[in-house]
């Protein structure tokens, strides 16, 4: 986990919320399991469970997209950011604290 974090960029929930509110085309990417997503998610976020990212992400998210990746607490999203960078995605960040921090910070939730 520490090695992956050293190779990626993390942003705070506050910065992620600013991107969300700017509605600038940033893709919010939820990598939690379906049972977690059913409890709520960032509105209009793209969802692919962590275990399916490598085989499915290219069909859903363009390589030139600005992507904020999140999971429950920020661990799986760091791993996914690392993998996506290896796949050629240039602008991916992991949201520190994950969905729990998003909710605690008063972020919009659907579902």
C-alpha atoms as a PDB file:
ATOM      1  CA  UNK A   1       0.000   0.000   0.000  1.00  0.00           C
ATOM      2  CA  UNK A   2       2.754   2.456   0.918  1.00  0.00           C
ATOM      3  CA  UNK A   3       4.565   1.754  -2.358  1.00  0.00           C
ATOM      4  CA  UNK A   4       1.420   2.458  -4.374  1.00  0.00           C
ATOM      5  CA  UNK A   5       0.792   5.668  -2.436  1.00  0.00           C
ATOM      6  CA  UNK A   6       4.328   6.818  -3.191  1.00  0.00           C
ATOM      7  CA  UNK A   7       3.644   6.534  -6.938  1.00  0.00           C
ATOM      8  CA  UNK A   8       0.234   8.229  -7.089  1.00  0.00           C
ATOM      9  CA  UNK A   9      -1.351  11.545  -6.237  1.00  0.00           C
ATOM     10  CA  UNK A  10      -3.945  11.821  -3.490  1.00  0.00           C
ATOM     11  CA  UNK A  11      -6.300  14.715  -3.063  1.00  0.00           C
ATOM     12  CA  UNK A  12      -8.309  15.743  -0.052  1.00  0.00           C
ATOM     13  CA  UNK A  13     -12.056  15.376   0.107  1.00  0.00           C
ATOM     14  CA  UNK A  14     -12.267  19.158   0.084  1.00  0.00           C
ATOM     15  CA  UNK A  15     -10.374  19.313  -3.230  1.00  0.00           C
ATOM     16  CA  UNK A  16     -12.515  16.486  -4.637  1.00  0.00           C
ATOM     17  CA  UNK A  17     -15.672  18.372  -3.659  1.00  0.00           C
ATOM     18  CA  UNK A  18     -14.379  21.485  -5.409  1.00  0.00           C
ATOM     19  CA  UNK A  19     -13.854  19.475  -8.591  1.00  0.00           C
ATOM     20  CA  UNK A  20     -17.320  17.948  -8.218  1.00  0.00           C
ATOM     21  CA  UNK A  21     -18.992  21.317  -7.722  1.00  0.00           C
ATOM     22  CA  UNK A  22     -17.050  22.839 -10.636  1.00  0.00           C
ATOM     23  CA  UNK A  23     -18.735  20.273 -12.886  1.00  0.00           C
ATOM     24  CA  UNK A  24     -15.636  20.384 -15.086  1.00  0.00           C
ATOM     25  CA  UNK A  25     -15.986  16.924 -16.590  1.00  0.00           C
ATOM     26  CA  UNK A  26     -13.978  15.150 -13.909  1.00  0.00           C
ATOM     27  CA  UNK A  27     -15.015  11.505 -13.697  1.00  0.00           C
ATOM     28  CA  UNK A  28     -15.693  10.231 -10.194  1.00  0.00           C
ATOM     29  CA  UNK A  29     -14.813   6.540 -10.163  1.00  0.00           C
ATOM     30  CA  UNK A  30     -16.185   4.285  -7.425  1.00  0.00           C
ATOM     31  CA  UNK A  31     -14.186   1.067  -6.991  1.00  0.00           C
ATOM     32  CA  UNK A  32     -16.115  -0.346  -4.027  1.00  0.00           C
ATOM     33  CA  UNK A  33     -18.012  -3.629  -4.079  1.00  0.00           C
ATOM     34  CA  UNK A  34     -21.692  -3.572  -5.163  1.00  0.00           C
ATOM     35  CA  UNK A  35     -22.982  -4.045  -1.608  1.00  0.00           C
ATOM     36  CA  UNK A  36     -21.097  -0.885  -0.596  1.00  0.00           C
ATOM     37  CA  UNK A  37     -22.317   1.125  -3.585  1.00  0.00           C
ATOM     38  CA  UNK A  38     -25.912   0.147  -2.758  1.00  0.00           C
ATOM     39  CA  UNK A  39     -25.571   2.148   0.462  1.00  0.00           C
ATOM     40  CA  UNK A  40     -24.844   5.345  -1.462  1.00  0.00           C
ATOM     41  CA  UNK A  41     -22.374   6.912  -3.867  1.00  0.00           C
ATOM     42  CA  UNK A  42     -21.225  10.207  -5.314  1.00  0.00           C
ATOM     43  CA  UNK A  43     -23.955  11.219  -7.789  1.00  0.00           C
ATOM     44  CA  UNK A  44     -23.207  10.135 -11.371  1.00  0.00           C
ATOM     45  CA  UNK A  45     -20.025   8.294 -10.362  1.00  0.00           C
ATOM     46  CA  UNK A  46     -18.864   5.479 -12.619  1.00  0.00           C
ATOM     47  CA  UNK A  47     -18.719   2.163 -10.768  1.00  0.00           C
ATOM     48  CA  UNK A  48     -16.468  -0.815 -11.414  1.00  0.00           C
ATOM     49  CA  UNK A  49     -15.479  -3.045  -8.490  1.00  0.00           C
ATOM     50  CA  UNK A  50     -11.740  -3.121  -7.745  1.00  0.00           C
ATOM     51  CA  UNK A  51     -11.396  -6.710  -8.975  1.00  0.00           C
ATOM     52  CA  UNK A  52     -12.725  -5.818 -12.443  1.00  0.00           C
ATOM     53  CA  UNK A  53     -10.926  -2.545 -13.118  1.00  0.00           C
ATOM     54  CA  UNK A  54      -8.163  -3.846 -15.379  1.00  0.00           C
ATOM     55  CA  UNK A  55     -10.565  -5.656 -17.696  1.00  0.00           C
ATOM     56  CA  UNK A  56     -13.371  -3.079 -17.836  1.00  0.00           C
ATOM     57  CA  UNK A  57     -12.141   0.468 -17.227  1.00  0.00           C
ATOM     58  CA  UNK A  58     -10.940   1.230 -20.761  1.00  0.00           C
ATOM     59  CA  UNK A  59     -14.440   0.655 -22.150  1.00  0.00           C
ATOM     60  CA  UNK A  60     -15.931   3.148 -19.690  1.00  0.00           C
ATOM     61  CA  UNK A  61     -13.367   5.868 -18.921  1.00  0.00           C
ATOM     62  CA  UNK A  62     -11.228   7.485 -21.656  1.00  0.00           C
ATOM     63  CA  UNK A  63      -7.475   7.601 -20.997  1.00  0.00           C
ATOM     64  CA  UNK A  64      -7.441  11.406 -21.237  1.00  0.00           C
ATOM     65  CA  UNK A  65     -10.161  11.877 -18.599  1.00  0.00           C
ATOM     66  CA  UNK A  66      -9.578  13.638 -15.294  1.00  0.00           C
ATOM     67  CA  UNK A  67     -10.429  10.918 -12.752  1.00  0.00           C
ATOM     68  CA  UNK A  68     -11.029  11.013  -9.002  1.00  0.00           C
ATOM     69  CA  UNK A  69     -11.021   7.456  -7.683  1.00  0.00           C
ATOM     70  CA  UNK A  70     -12.625   6.548  -4.388  1.00  0.00           C
ATOM     71  CA  UNK A  71     -13.416   3.511  -2.263  1.00  0.00           C
ATOM     72  CA  UNK A  72     -14.628   3.210   1.310  1.00  0.00           C
ATOM     73  CA  UNK A  73     -11.584   4.657   3.089  1.00  0.00           C
ATOM     74  CA  UNK A  74      -8.923   5.399   0.460  1.00  0.00           C
ATOM     75  CA  UNK A  75      -6.913   2.180   0.262  1.00  0.00           C
ATOM     76  CA  UNK A  76      -8.329   0.374  -2.770  1.00  0.00           C
ATOM     77  CA  UNK A  77      -8.525   3.674  -4.643  1.00  0.00           C
ATOM     78  CA  UNK A  78      -4.780   4.177  -4.172  1.00  0.00           C
ATOM     79  CA  UNK A  79      -4.121   0.751  -5.667  1.00  0.00           C
ATOM     80  CA  UNK A  80      -6.468   1.451  -8.586  1.00  0.00           C
ATOM     81  CA  UNK A  81      -4.822   4.823  -9.253  1.00  0.00           C
ATOM     82  CA  UNK A  82      -1.472   3.045  -9.431  1.00  0.00           C
ATOM     83  CA  UNK A  83      -2.818   0.425 -11.853  1.00  0.00           C
ATOM     84  CA  UNK A  84      -4.527   3.013 -14.050  1.00  0.00           C
ATOM     85  CA  UNK A  85      -1.315   5.032 -14.309  1.00  0.00           C
ATOM     86  CA  UNK A  86       0.457   1.855 -15.453  1.00  0.00           C
ATOM     87  CA  UNK A  87      -2.311   1.451 -18.053  1.00  0.00           C
ATOM     88  CA  UNK A  88      -1.566   4.907 -19.463  1.00  0.00           C
ATOM     89  CA  UNK A  89      -4.075   7.117 -17.646  1.00  0.00           C
ATOM     90  CA  UNK A  90      -2.328  10.439 -17.085  1.00  0.00           C
ATOM     91  CA  UNK A  91      -4.661  12.306 -14.715  1.00  0.00           C
ATOM     92  CA  UNK A  92      -5.885   9.994 -11.970  1.00  0.00           C
ATOM     93  CA  UNK A  93      -5.981  10.788  -8.272  1.00  0.00           C
ATOM     94  CA  UNK A  94      -7.125   8.890  -5.223  1.00  0.00           C
ATOM     95  CA  UNK A  95      -9.500  10.625  -2.817  1.00  0.00           C
ATOM     96  CA  UNK A  96      -7.977  10.442   0.667  1.00  0.00           C
ATOM     97  CA  UNK A  97     -10.404   9.091   3.242  1.00  0.00           C
ATOM     98  CA  UNK A  98     -12.722   7.633   0.617  1.00  0.00           C
ATOM     99  CA  UNK A  99     -16.497   7.721   0.614  1.00  0.00           C
ATOM    100  CA  UNK A 100     -16.610   7.862   4.416  1.00  0.00           C
ATOM    101  CA  UNK A 101     -14.748  11.176   4.352  1.00  0.00           C
ATOM    102  CA  UNK A 102     -16.986  12.392   1.512  1.00  0.00           C
ATOM    103  CA  UNK A 103     -20.082  11.737   3.631  1.00  0.00           C
ATOM    104  CA  UNK A 104     -18.493  13.215   6.762  1.00  0.00           C
ATOM    105  CA  UNK A 105     -17.601  16.324   4.747  1.00  0.00           C
ATOM    106  CA  UNK A 106     -21.211  16.832   3.648  1.00  0.00           C
ATOM    107  CA  UNK A 107     -20.748  15.716   0.038  1.00  0.00           C
ATOM    108  CA  UNK A 108     -23.738  14.956  -2.164  1.00  0.00           C
ATOM    109  CA  UNK A 109     -24.879  11.312  -2.032  1.00  0.00           C
ATOM    110  CA  UNK A 110     -27.285   9.380  -4.222  1.00  0.00           C
ATOM    111  CA  UNK A 111     -28.853   6.036  -3.521  1.00  0.00           C
END
